[in-house]
């Protein structure tokens, strides 16, 4: 969906990837703020925090054993984020202290209920391709290999080719972007665009009884 198509291209606000807000992220644990790794930080300071701060408990030892742990069973199609991290790193500290703080702030959900394949597909793919997270990280650090979701790569390519789309380069280079009226502006803009489309019929306060795919017409039928 093009943001320009729903009339929001002038409503977008961005935080530059070079700003202090982008370079400095913190987690409060257990009783103080802990700075997370980021660009421009001293590697020695980060290693010291990694080894001494309680929020990073299990991180070093977890990645140390990750390369020796077996990859997932071939019949495992998905699992929770928490289960994946515990299986790979041999402890729950990384998931409970670090990843939970990140995902709870975004999805307000339990990492032992949220899908790793849906929310962190790159981590899932790395294990399947390289056998461990540590092996994949070595590829990224020393061989310059990058893993990007196909949909994300297609979106990035589209945005780079359309400089007028949602601020063009400004959005691509942003660390975070949102809307002047909040994220609800996206759904409001979508409603406005749909109402102006003669092929769309909106029914509000209508209970959906069933949804079915029609293979003959290649359409989705919604029963109300």
C-alpha atoms as a PDB file:
ATOM      1  CA  UNK A   1       0.000   0.000   0.000  1.00  0.00           C
ATOM      2  CA  UNK A   2       1.378   3.397  -0.954  1.00  0.00           C
ATOM      3  CA  UNK A   3       1.148   5.982   1.823  1.00  0.00           C
ATOM      4  CA  UNK A   4       0.702   8.637  -0.833  1.00  0.00           C
ATOM      5  CA  UNK A   5      -2.390   6.800  -2.026  1.00  0.00           C
ATOM      6  CA  UNK A   6      -4.097   7.316   1.334  1.00  0.00           C
ATOM      7  CA  UNK A   7      -3.104  10.992   1.591  1.00  0.00           C
ATOM      8  CA  UNK A   8      -0.485  10.695   4.340  1.00  0.00           C
ATOM      9  CA  UNK A   9       2.698  11.705   2.545  1.00  0.00           C
ATOM     10  CA  UNK A  10       2.643  15.140   4.275  1.00  0.00           C
ATOM     11  CA  UNK A  11       1.775  13.690   7.696  1.00  0.00           C
ATOM     12  CA  UNK A  12       4.843  11.513   8.177  1.00  0.00           C
ATOM     13  CA  UNK A  13       7.504  12.391  10.750  1.00  0.00           C
ATOM     14  CA  UNK A  14      10.903  10.717  11.000  1.00  0.00           C
ATOM     15  CA  UNK A  15      13.779  10.225  13.425  1.00  0.00           C
ATOM     16  CA  UNK A  16      17.122  10.213  11.630  1.00  0.00           C
ATOM     17  CA  UNK A  17      19.364   7.207  12.038  1.00  0.00           C
ATOM     18  CA  UNK A  18      22.115   9.647  13.037  1.00  0.00           C
ATOM     19  CA  UNK A  19      20.155  11.208  15.907  1.00  0.00           C
ATOM     20  CA  UNK A  20      20.937  10.628  19.584  1.00  0.00           C
ATOM     21  CA  UNK A  21      17.534   8.975  19.972  1.00  0.00           C
ATOM     22  CA  UNK A  22      18.470   6.377  17.358  1.00  0.00           C
ATOM     23  CA  UNK A  23      21.941   5.711  18.749  1.00  0.00           C
ATOM     24  CA  UNK A  24      20.943   5.439  22.409  1.00  0.00           C
ATOM     25  CA  UNK A  25      18.450   2.781  23.496  1.00  0.00           C
ATOM     26  CA  UNK A  26      17.956   1.660  27.086  1.00  0.00           C
ATOM     27  CA  UNK A  27      16.334  -1.128  29.111  1.00  0.00           C
ATOM     28  CA  UNK A  28      15.425  -0.577  32.754  1.00  0.00           C
ATOM     29  CA  UNK A  29      16.662  -3.662  34.652  1.00  0.00           C
ATOM     30  CA  UNK A  30      16.457  -4.496  37.496  1.00  0.00           C
ATOM     31  CA  UNK A  31      16.605  -1.047  39.117  1.00  0.00           C
ATOM     32  CA  UNK A  32      18.577   1.129  36.663  1.00  0.00           C
ATOM     33  CA  UNK A  33      18.791   2.063  32.991  1.00  0.00           C
ATOM     34  CA  UNK A  34      21.174  -0.035  30.895  1.00  0.00           C
ATOM     35  CA  UNK A  35      22.361   1.258  27.509  1.00  0.00           C
ATOM     36  CA  UNK A  36      21.943  -1.218  24.688  1.00  0.00           C
ATOM     37  CA  UNK A  37      24.615  -1.738  21.990  1.00  0.00           C
ATOM     38  CA  UNK A  38      24.547   0.821  19.211  1.00  0.00           C
ATOM     39  CA  UNK A  39      26.616   2.675  16.619  1.00  0.00           C
ATOM     40  CA  UNK A  40      29.433   4.865  17.852  1.00  0.00           C
ATOM     41  CA  UNK A  41      29.807   3.103  21.193  1.00  0.00           C
ATOM     42  CA  UNK A  42      33.083   1.842  22.579  1.00  0.00           C
ATOM     43  CA  UNK A  43      33.430  -1.900  22.039  1.00  0.00           C
ATOM     44  CA  UNK A  44      35.367  -2.184  25.308  1.00  0.00           C
ATOM     45  CA  UNK A  45      32.569  -0.490  27.259  1.00  0.00           C
ATOM     46  CA  UNK A  46      30.032  -2.783  25.671  1.00  0.00           C
ATOM     47  CA  UNK A  47      32.058  -5.915  26.512  1.00  0.00           C
ATOM     48  CA  UNK A  48      32.360  -4.709  30.103  1.00  0.00           C
ATOM     49  CA  UNK A  49      28.588  -4.198  30.325  1.00  0.00           C
ATOM     50  CA  UNK A  50      27.998  -7.575  28.699  1.00  0.00           C
ATOM     51  CA  UNK A  51      30.098  -9.311  31.337  1.00  0.00           C
ATOM     52  CA  UNK A  52      29.006  -7.350  34.403  1.00  0.00           C
ATOM     53  CA  UNK A  53      25.461  -6.011  34.014  1.00  0.00           C
ATOM     54  CA  UNK A  54      22.648  -8.371  35.175  1.00  0.00           C
ATOM     55  CA  UNK A  55      20.450  -7.596  32.161  1.00  0.00           C
ATOM     56  CA  UNK A  56      22.947  -9.410  29.907  1.00  0.00           C
ATOM     57  CA  UNK A  57      23.040 -12.543  32.071  1.00  0.00           C
ATOM     58  CA  UNK A  58      23.185 -15.638  29.886  1.00  0.00           C
ATOM     59  CA  UNK A  59      24.083 -13.736  26.702  1.00  0.00           C
ATOM     60  CA  UNK A  60      27.769 -14.591  26.539  1.00  0.00           C
ATOM     61  CA  UNK A  61      27.350 -18.182  27.727  1.00  0.00           C
ATOM     62  CA  UNK A  62      24.305 -18.634  25.505  1.00  0.00           C
ATOM     63  CA  UNK A  63      26.091 -17.715  22.289  1.00  0.00           C
ATOM     64  CA  UNK A  64      29.097 -19.763  23.437  1.00  0.00           C
ATOM     65  CA  UNK A  65      26.982 -22.955  23.472  1.00  0.00           C
ATOM     66  CA  UNK A  66      24.735 -22.031  20.532  1.00  0.00           C
ATOM     67  CA  UNK A  67      27.121 -23.395  17.883  1.00  0.00           C
ATOM     68  CA  UNK A  68      27.224 -26.790  19.616  1.00  0.00           C
ATOM     69  CA  UNK A  69      23.484 -27.194  20.022  1.00  0.00           C
ATOM     70  CA  UNK A  70      21.558 -29.213  17.405  1.00  0.00           C
ATOM     71  CA  UNK A  71      19.462 -27.351  14.853  1.00  0.00           C
ATOM     72  CA  UNK A  72      15.708 -27.618  15.044  1.00  0.00           C
ATOM     73  CA  UNK A  73      13.921 -30.850  14.077  1.00  0.00           C
ATOM     74  CA  UNK A  74      13.028 -30.916  10.361  1.00  0.00           C
ATOM     75  CA  UNK A  75       9.314 -31.297  11.145  1.00  0.00           C
ATOM     76  CA  UNK A  76       9.196 -28.192  13.383  1.00  0.00           C
ATOM     77  CA  UNK A  77       7.278 -25.594  11.374  1.00  0.00           C
ATOM     78  CA  UNK A  78       7.196 -22.816  13.973  1.00  0.00           C
ATOM     79  CA  UNK A  79       7.588 -22.118  17.703  1.00  0.00           C
ATOM     80  CA  UNK A  80       7.388 -19.235  20.144  1.00  0.00           C
ATOM     81  CA  UNK A  81      10.116 -16.615  20.364  1.00  0.00           C
ATOM     82  CA  UNK A  82      10.845 -17.640  23.958  1.00  0.00           C
ATOM     83  CA  UNK A  83      11.043 -21.325  23.103  1.00  0.00           C
ATOM     84  CA  UNK A  84      13.376 -20.647  20.181  1.00  0.00           C
ATOM     85  CA  UNK A  85      15.805 -18.575  22.260  1.00  0.00           C
ATOM     86  CA  UNK A  86      15.781 -21.033  25.146  1.00  0.00           C
ATOM     87  CA  UNK A  87      16.422 -23.937  22.758  1.00  0.00           C
ATOM     88  CA  UNK A  88      19.282 -22.169  20.963  1.00  0.00           C
ATOM     89  CA  UNK A  89      20.976 -20.452  23.925  1.00  0.00           C
ATOM     90  CA  UNK A  90      20.243 -22.966  26.658  1.00  0.00           C
ATOM     91  CA  UNK A  91      18.707 -20.421  29.045  1.00  0.00           C
ATOM     92  CA  UNK A  92      15.733 -18.082  29.423  1.00  0.00           C
ATOM     93  CA  UNK A  93      17.674 -15.007  30.543  1.00  0.00           C
ATOM     94  CA  UNK A  94      18.229 -13.500  27.083  1.00  0.00           C
ATOM     95  CA  UNK A  95      14.587 -13.901  26.164  1.00  0.00           C
ATOM     96  CA  UNK A  96      13.159 -12.746  29.482  1.00  0.00           C
ATOM     97  CA  UNK A  97      15.526  -9.803  30.042  1.00  0.00           C
ATOM     98  CA  UNK A  98      16.266  -8.448  26.557  1.00  0.00           C
ATOM     99  CA  UNK A  99      14.001  -9.768  23.795  1.00  0.00           C
ATOM    100  CA  UNK A 100      10.885  -9.636  25.966  1.00  0.00           C
ATOM    101  CA  UNK A 101      11.510  -5.941  26.671  1.00  0.00           C
ATOM    102  CA  UNK A 102      11.749  -5.232  22.940  1.00  0.00           C
ATOM    103  CA  UNK A 103       8.759  -7.258  21.753  1.00  0.00           C
ATOM    104  CA  UNK A 104       6.503  -6.386  24.666  1.00  0.00           C
ATOM    105  CA  UNK A 105       6.997  -2.725  23.849  1.00  0.00           C
ATOM    106  CA  UNK A 106       5.990  -3.345  20.222  1.00  0.00           C
ATOM    107  CA  UNK A 107       3.341  -6.065  20.427  1.00  0.00           C
ATOM    108  CA  UNK A 108       2.333  -6.010  24.124  1.00  0.00           C
ATOM    109  CA  UNK A 109       2.537  -9.800  24.003  1.00  0.00           C
ATOM    110  CA  UNK A 110       4.170 -12.741  25.742  1.00  0.00           C
ATOM    111  CA  UNK A 111       7.299 -14.011  23.951  1.00  0.00           C
ATOM    112  CA  UNK A 112       6.237 -17.548  24.890  1.00  0.00           C
ATOM    113  CA  UNK A 113       3.077 -17.019  22.845  1.00  0.00           C
ATOM    114  CA  UNK A 114       4.423 -14.948  19.925  1.00  0.00           C
ATOM    115  CA  UNK A 115       5.672 -16.724  16.777  1.00  0.00           C
ATOM    116  CA  UNK A 116       9.416 -16.600  16.038  1.00  0.00           C
ATOM    117  CA  UNK A 117       8.744 -17.305  12.359  1.00  0.00           C
ATOM    118  CA  UNK A 118       6.396 -14.326  12.091  1.00  0.00           C
ATOM    119  CA  UNK A 119       8.188 -11.756  14.249  1.00  0.00           C
ATOM    120  CA  UNK A 120      11.863 -12.697  13.887  1.00  0.00           C
ATOM    121  CA  UNK A 121      11.981 -14.594  10.592  1.00  0.00           C
ATOM    122  CA  UNK A 122      15.645 -13.736   9.990  1.00  0.00           C
ATOM    123  CA  UNK A 123      16.680 -15.554  13.191  1.00  0.00           C
ATOM    124  CA  UNK A 124      14.542 -18.539  12.174  1.00  0.00           C
ATOM    125  CA  UNK A 125      16.082 -18.550   8.694  1.00  0.00           C
ATOM    126  CA  UNK A 126      19.645 -18.235  10.023  1.00  0.00           C
ATOM    127  CA  UNK A 127      19.276 -21.349  12.154  1.00  0.00           C
ATOM    128  CA  UNK A 128      17.815 -23.286   9.241  1.00  0.00           C
ATOM    129  CA  UNK A 129      20.552 -22.176   6.838  1.00  0.00           C
ATOM    130  CA  UNK A 130      23.672 -22.069   9.013  1.00  0.00           C
ATOM    131  CA  UNK A 131      22.738 -24.405  11.866  1.00  0.00           C
ATOM    132  CA  UNK A 132      23.157 -21.806  14.607  1.00  0.00           C
ATOM    133  CA  UNK A 133      22.762 -18.113  15.338  1.00  0.00           C
ATOM    134  CA  UNK A 134      26.473 -17.728  16.078  1.00  0.00           C
ATOM    135  CA  UNK A 135      27.440 -19.188  12.690  1.00  0.00           C
ATOM    136  CA  UNK A 136      25.104 -16.759  10.968  1.00  0.00           C
ATOM    137  CA  UNK A 137      26.498 -13.798  12.916  1.00  0.00           C
ATOM    138  CA  UNK A 138      30.032 -14.717  11.839  1.00  0.00           C
ATOM    139  CA  UNK A 139      28.887 -14.634   8.220  1.00  0.00           C
ATOM    140  CA  UNK A 140      27.466 -11.142   8.729  1.00  0.00           C
ATOM    141  CA  UNK A 141      30.482  -9.764  10.610  1.00  0.00           C
ATOM    142  CA  UNK A 142      33.378 -11.255   8.677  1.00  0.00           C
ATOM    143  CA  UNK A 143      31.967 -11.976   5.220  1.00  0.00           C
ATOM    144  CA  UNK A 144      29.569  -9.053   4.854  1.00  0.00           C
ATOM    145  CA  UNK A 145      26.588 -11.320   4.143  1.00  0.00           C
ATOM    146  CA  UNK A 146      23.193  -9.797   4.909  1.00  0.00           C
ATOM    147  CA  UNK A 147      19.888 -11.573   5.291  1.00  0.00           C
ATOM    148  CA  UNK A 148      16.796  -9.578   4.321  1.00  0.00           C
ATOM    149  CA  UNK A 149      13.198 -10.729   4.023  1.00  0.00           C
ATOM    150  CA  UNK A 150      12.040 -10.838   0.414  1.00  0.00           C
ATOM    151  CA  UNK A 151       9.076  -8.558   1.181  1.00  0.00           C
ATOM    152  CA  UNK A 152      11.314  -6.052   2.968  1.00  0.00           C
ATOM    153  CA  UNK A 153      13.795  -6.040   0.087  1.00  0.00           C
ATOM    154  CA  UNK A 154      10.970  -5.464  -2.406  1.00  0.00           C
ATOM    155  CA  UNK A 155       9.540  -2.607  -0.310  1.00  0.00           C
ATOM    156  CA  UNK A 156      12.957  -0.959   0.066  1.00  0.00           C
ATOM    157  CA  UNK A 157      13.593  -1.234  -3.658  1.00  0.00           C
ATOM    158  CA  UNK A 158      10.186   0.268  -4.406  1.00  0.00           C
ATOM    159  CA  UNK A 159      10.746   3.176  -2.031  1.00  0.00           C
ATOM    160  CA  UNK A 160      14.183   3.942  -3.489  1.00  0.00           C
ATOM    161  CA  UNK A 161      12.695   4.000  -6.986  1.00  0.00           C
ATOM    162  CA  UNK A 162       9.883   6.333  -5.949  1.00  0.00           C
ATOM    163  CA  UNK A 163      11.393   9.431  -4.361  1.00  0.00           C
ATOM    164  CA  UNK A 164       7.953  10.971  -3.775  1.00  0.00           C
ATOM    165  CA  UNK A 165       6.658   7.959  -1.828  1.00  0.00           C
ATOM    166  CA  UNK A 166       6.282   8.792   1.860  1.00  0.00           C
ATOM    167  CA  UNK A 167       9.192  11.186   1.835  1.00  0.00           C
ATOM    168  CA  UNK A 168      11.403   8.959  -0.285  1.00  0.00           C
ATOM    169  CA  UNK A 169      15.006   8.906   0.944  1.00  0.00           C
ATOM    170  CA  UNK A 170      14.039  10.575   4.242  1.00  0.00           C
ATOM    171  CA  UNK A 171      11.990   7.547   5.265  1.00  0.00           C
ATOM    172  CA  UNK A 172      14.500   4.993   3.976  1.00  0.00           C
ATOM    173  CA  UNK A 173      17.259   6.592   6.062  1.00  0.00           C
ATOM    174  CA  UNK A 174      15.074   7.000   9.162  1.00  0.00           C
ATOM    175  CA  UNK A 175      15.549   5.002  12.339  1.00  0.00           C
ATOM    176  CA  UNK A 176      11.881   5.369  13.251  1.00  0.00           C
ATOM    177  CA  UNK A 177       8.969   6.984  11.482  1.00  0.00           C
ATOM    178  CA  UNK A 178       5.404   7.716  12.481  1.00  0.00           C
ATOM    179  CA  UNK A 179       2.594  10.174  11.756  1.00  0.00           C
ATOM    180  CA  UNK A 180       1.804  13.612  13.177  1.00  0.00           C
ATOM    181  CA  UNK A 181      -1.589  12.391  14.405  1.00  0.00           C
ATOM    182  CA  UNK A 182      -0.257   9.054  15.649  1.00  0.00           C
ATOM    183  CA  UNK A 183      -0.298   5.599  14.083  1.00  0.00           C
ATOM    184  CA  UNK A 184      -4.105   5.721  13.919  1.00  0.00           C
ATOM    185  CA  UNK A 185      -3.692   8.104  10.970  1.00  0.00           C
ATOM    186  CA  UNK A 186      -2.721   5.085   8.853  1.00  0.00           C
ATOM    187  CA  UNK A 187      -5.989   3.241   9.407  1.00  0.00           C
ATOM    188  CA  UNK A 188      -7.977   6.497   9.067  1.00  0.00           C
ATOM    189  CA  UNK A 189      -6.247   7.224   5.767  1.00  0.00           C
ATOM    190  CA  UNK A 190      -6.920   3.700   4.579  1.00  0.00           C
ATOM    191  CA  UNK A 191     -10.636   4.075   5.351  1.00  0.00           C
ATOM    192  CA  UNK A 192     -10.739   7.363   3.442  1.00  0.00           C
ATOM    193  CA  UNK A 193      -9.042   5.793   0.414  1.00  0.00           C
ATOM    194  CA  UNK A 194     -11.376   2.784   0.446  1.00  0.00           C
ATOM    195  CA  UNK A 195     -14.473   4.949   0.681  1.00  0.00           C
ATOM    196  CA  UNK A 196     -13.386   6.787  -2.457  1.00  0.00           C
ATOM    197  CA  UNK A 197     -12.987   3.511  -4.372  1.00  0.00           C
ATOM    198  CA  UNK A 198     -16.197   2.647  -6.286  1.00  0.00           C
ATOM    199  CA  UNK A 199     -15.304  -1.064  -6.154  1.00  0.00           C
ATOM    200  CA  UNK A 200     -15.326  -1.129  -2.360  1.00  0.00           C
ATOM    201  CA  UNK A 201     -18.385  -1.381  -0.119  1.00  0.00           C
ATOM    202  CA  UNK A 202     -17.791  -0.673   3.549  1.00  0.00           C
ATOM    203  CA  UNK A 203     -20.147  -2.105   6.145  1.00  0.00           C
ATOM    204  CA  UNK A 204     -19.657  -0.874   9.692  1.00  0.00           C
ATOM    205  CA  UNK A 205     -21.084  -2.473  12.831  1.00  0.00           C
ATOM    206  CA  UNK A 206     -21.697  -5.624  10.811  1.00  0.00           C
ATOM    207  CA  UNK A 207     -20.874  -9.042  12.233  1.00  0.00           C
ATOM    208  CA  UNK A 208     -18.751 -11.293  10.005  1.00  0.00           C
ATOM    209  CA  UNK A 209     -20.192 -14.816   9.987  1.00  0.00           C
ATOM    210  CA  UNK A 210     -17.580 -16.545   7.815  1.00  0.00           C
ATOM    211  CA  UNK A 211     -14.668 -16.017   5.425  1.00  0.00           C
ATOM    212  CA  UNK A 212     -13.950 -18.401   2.544  1.00  0.00           C
ATOM    213  CA  UNK A 213     -11.653 -18.456  -0.477  1.00  0.00           C
ATOM    214  CA  UNK A 214     -13.341 -18.984  -3.838  1.00  0.00           C
ATOM    215  CA  UNK A 215     -10.875 -20.912  -6.019  1.00  0.00           C
ATOM    216  CA  UNK A 216     -12.931 -20.418  -9.194  1.00  0.00           C
ATOM    217  CA  UNK A 217     -12.948 -16.616  -9.048  1.00  0.00           C
ATOM    218  CA  UNK A 218      -9.738 -16.265  -7.004  1.00  0.00           C
ATOM    219  CA  UNK A 219     -11.633 -14.049  -4.552  1.00  0.00           C
ATOM    220  CA  UNK A 220     -12.326 -14.088  -0.836  1.00  0.00           C
ATOM    221  CA  UNK A 221     -15.981 -14.255   0.153  1.00  0.00           C
ATOM    222  CA  UNK A 222     -17.021 -12.576   3.398  1.00  0.00           C
ATOM    223  CA  UNK A 223     -20.364 -13.662   4.836  1.00  0.00           C
ATOM    224  CA  UNK A 224     -22.257 -11.152   6.956  1.00  0.00           C
END
